[in-house]
Protein backbone atom coordinates (compact mmCIF):
# COMPACT_ATOMS: atom_id res chain seq x y z
CA MET A 1 -22.38 117.03 -6.83
CA PRO A 2 -25.49 115.87 -8.71
CA ALA A 3 -23.21 113.94 -11.03
CA MET A 4 -21.71 112.13 -8.06
CA LEU A 5 -25.14 111.31 -6.71
CA GLY A 6 -26.17 110.05 -10.14
CA SER A 7 -23.08 107.87 -10.44
CA LEU A 8 -23.59 106.65 -6.85
CA ALA A 9 -27.19 105.73 -7.67
CA ILE A 10 -26.08 103.93 -10.83
CA SER A 11 -23.33 102.08 -8.90
CA LEU A 12 -25.82 101.09 -6.22
CA SER A 13 -28.30 99.84 -8.83
CA VAL A 14 -25.50 97.86 -10.52
CA ILE A 15 -24.59 96.26 -7.17
CA VAL A 16 -28.26 95.44 -6.46
CA ALA A 17 -28.64 93.96 -9.95
CA LYS A 18 -25.45 91.91 -9.45
CA VAL A 19 -26.67 90.59 -6.07
CA MET A 20 -30.07 89.71 -7.54
CA THR A 21 -28.42 88.03 -10.52
CA THR A 22 -26.10 86.05 -8.22
CA GLN A 23 -29.06 84.91 -6.13
CA LEU A 24 -31.00 83.95 -9.25
CA ILE A 25 -28.02 82.00 -10.60
CA GLY A 26 -27.65 80.22 -7.24
CA GLN A 27 -31.34 79.31 -7.23
CA MET A 28 -31.11 78.04 -10.81
CA ASN A 29 -28.02 75.96 -9.93
CA ARG A 30 -29.88 74.37 -7.00
CA GLN A 31 -32.81 73.57 -9.31
CA ILE A 32 -30.42 72.12 -11.90
CA ASN A 33 -28.77 69.95 -9.23
CA GLU A 34 -32.17 68.78 -7.98
CA VAL A 35 -33.28 67.86 -11.50
CA ALA A 36 -29.96 66.09 -12.12
CA GLN A 37 -30.43 64.08 -8.91
CA ILE A 38 -34.00 63.15 -9.87
CA LYS A 39 -32.79 62.17 -13.34
CA SER A 40 -29.99 60.07 -11.85
CA GLU A 41 -32.44 58.25 -9.56
CA ALA A 42 -34.84 57.67 -12.45
CA MET A 43 -32.01 56.32 -14.62
CA GLY A 44 -30.99 53.99 -11.78
CA ARG A 45 -34.55 52.68 -11.48
CA LEU A 46 -34.73 52.30 -15.27
CA LYS A 47 -31.48 50.32 -15.32
CA ALA A 48 -32.75 48.08 -12.51
CA ALA A 49 -36.03 47.52 -14.37
CA GLN A 50 -34.15 46.71 -17.58
CA SER A 51 -31.97 44.21 -15.71
CA GLN A 52 -35.05 42.60 -14.17
CA LYS A 53 -36.70 42.41 -17.58
CA ALA A 54 -33.60 40.79 -19.08
CA ILE A 55 -33.59 38.18 -16.29
CA ILE A 56 -37.32 37.55 -16.74
CA ASP A 57 -36.88 37.20 -20.51
CA GLY A 58 -34.02 34.77 -19.98
CA ASN A 59 -36.05 32.72 -17.52
CA LYS A 60 -39.03 32.72 -19.90
CA SER A 61 -36.81 31.49 -22.71
CA ILE A 62 -35.52 28.65 -20.53
CA LEU A 63 -39.06 27.72 -19.48
CA ASP A 64 -40.27 27.81 -23.09
CA THR A 65 -37.44 25.48 -24.10
CA LYS A 66 -38.25 23.10 -21.24
CA ALA A 67 -41.96 23.18 -22.11
CA ALA A 68 -41.19 22.34 -25.75
CA LYS A 69 -38.99 19.41 -24.67
CA ILE A 70 -41.70 18.14 -22.31
CA GLU A 71 -44.35 18.43 -25.03
CA THR A 72 -42.12 16.47 -27.41
CA LYS A 73 -41.55 13.81 -24.77
CA ILE A 74 -45.31 13.57 -24.02
CA ARG A 75 -46.08 13.15 -27.74
CA ARG A 76 -43.42 10.44 -28.04
CA LEU A 77 -44.71 8.61 -24.96
CA LYS A 78 -48.32 8.81 -26.18
CA LYS A 79 -47.21 7.40 -29.51
CA GLU A 80 -45.38 4.58 -27.73
CA MET A 81 -48.46 3.87 -25.59
CA GLY A 82 -50.61 3.74 -28.71
CA GLU A 83 -48.19 1.31 -30.33
CA MET A 84 -48.15 -0.84 -27.18
CA LYS A 85 -51.95 -0.90 -27.09
CA GLU A 86 -52.01 -1.93 -30.75
CA GLU A 87 -49.48 -4.70 -30.07
CA GLU A 88 -51.50 -5.90 -27.08
CA SER A 89 -54.69 -5.84 -29.13
CA ALA A 90 -52.97 -7.79 -31.91
CA ARG A 91 -51.72 -10.37 -29.37
CA ARG A 92 -55.22 -10.82 -28.01
CA GLU A 93 -56.57 -11.28 -31.49
CA ARG A 94 -53.93 -13.93 -32.23
CA SER A 95 -54.65 -15.58 -28.89
CA LYS A 96 -58.38 -15.67 -29.68
CA ALA A 97 -57.62 -17.04 -33.12
CA ARG A 98 -55.53 -19.85 -31.60
CA ARG A 99 -58.28 -20.75 -29.16
CA VAL A 100 -60.87 -20.90 -31.89
CA SER A 101 -58.72 -23.13 -34.06
């Protein structure tokens, strides 16, 4: 009889341990799923941010190219204006020289 009670107590403790282990595993699985969901959301936000950055970098590159072209055009136009002013000045000098003669 005491052996039966001992084995019954051991069986009961094994069942309790199994139930506790099952509950612990279930809790851990829920935590794992929660962390996986948080990770997935974070990865989605990261991908969106990377896409935005790529678009911004592309737009910046386009704007830099346009700015360089505009700067080149401004330099060329300033040079042309300087040449025109020199030509006008030279014409005036020739005109003055003709009047004096």
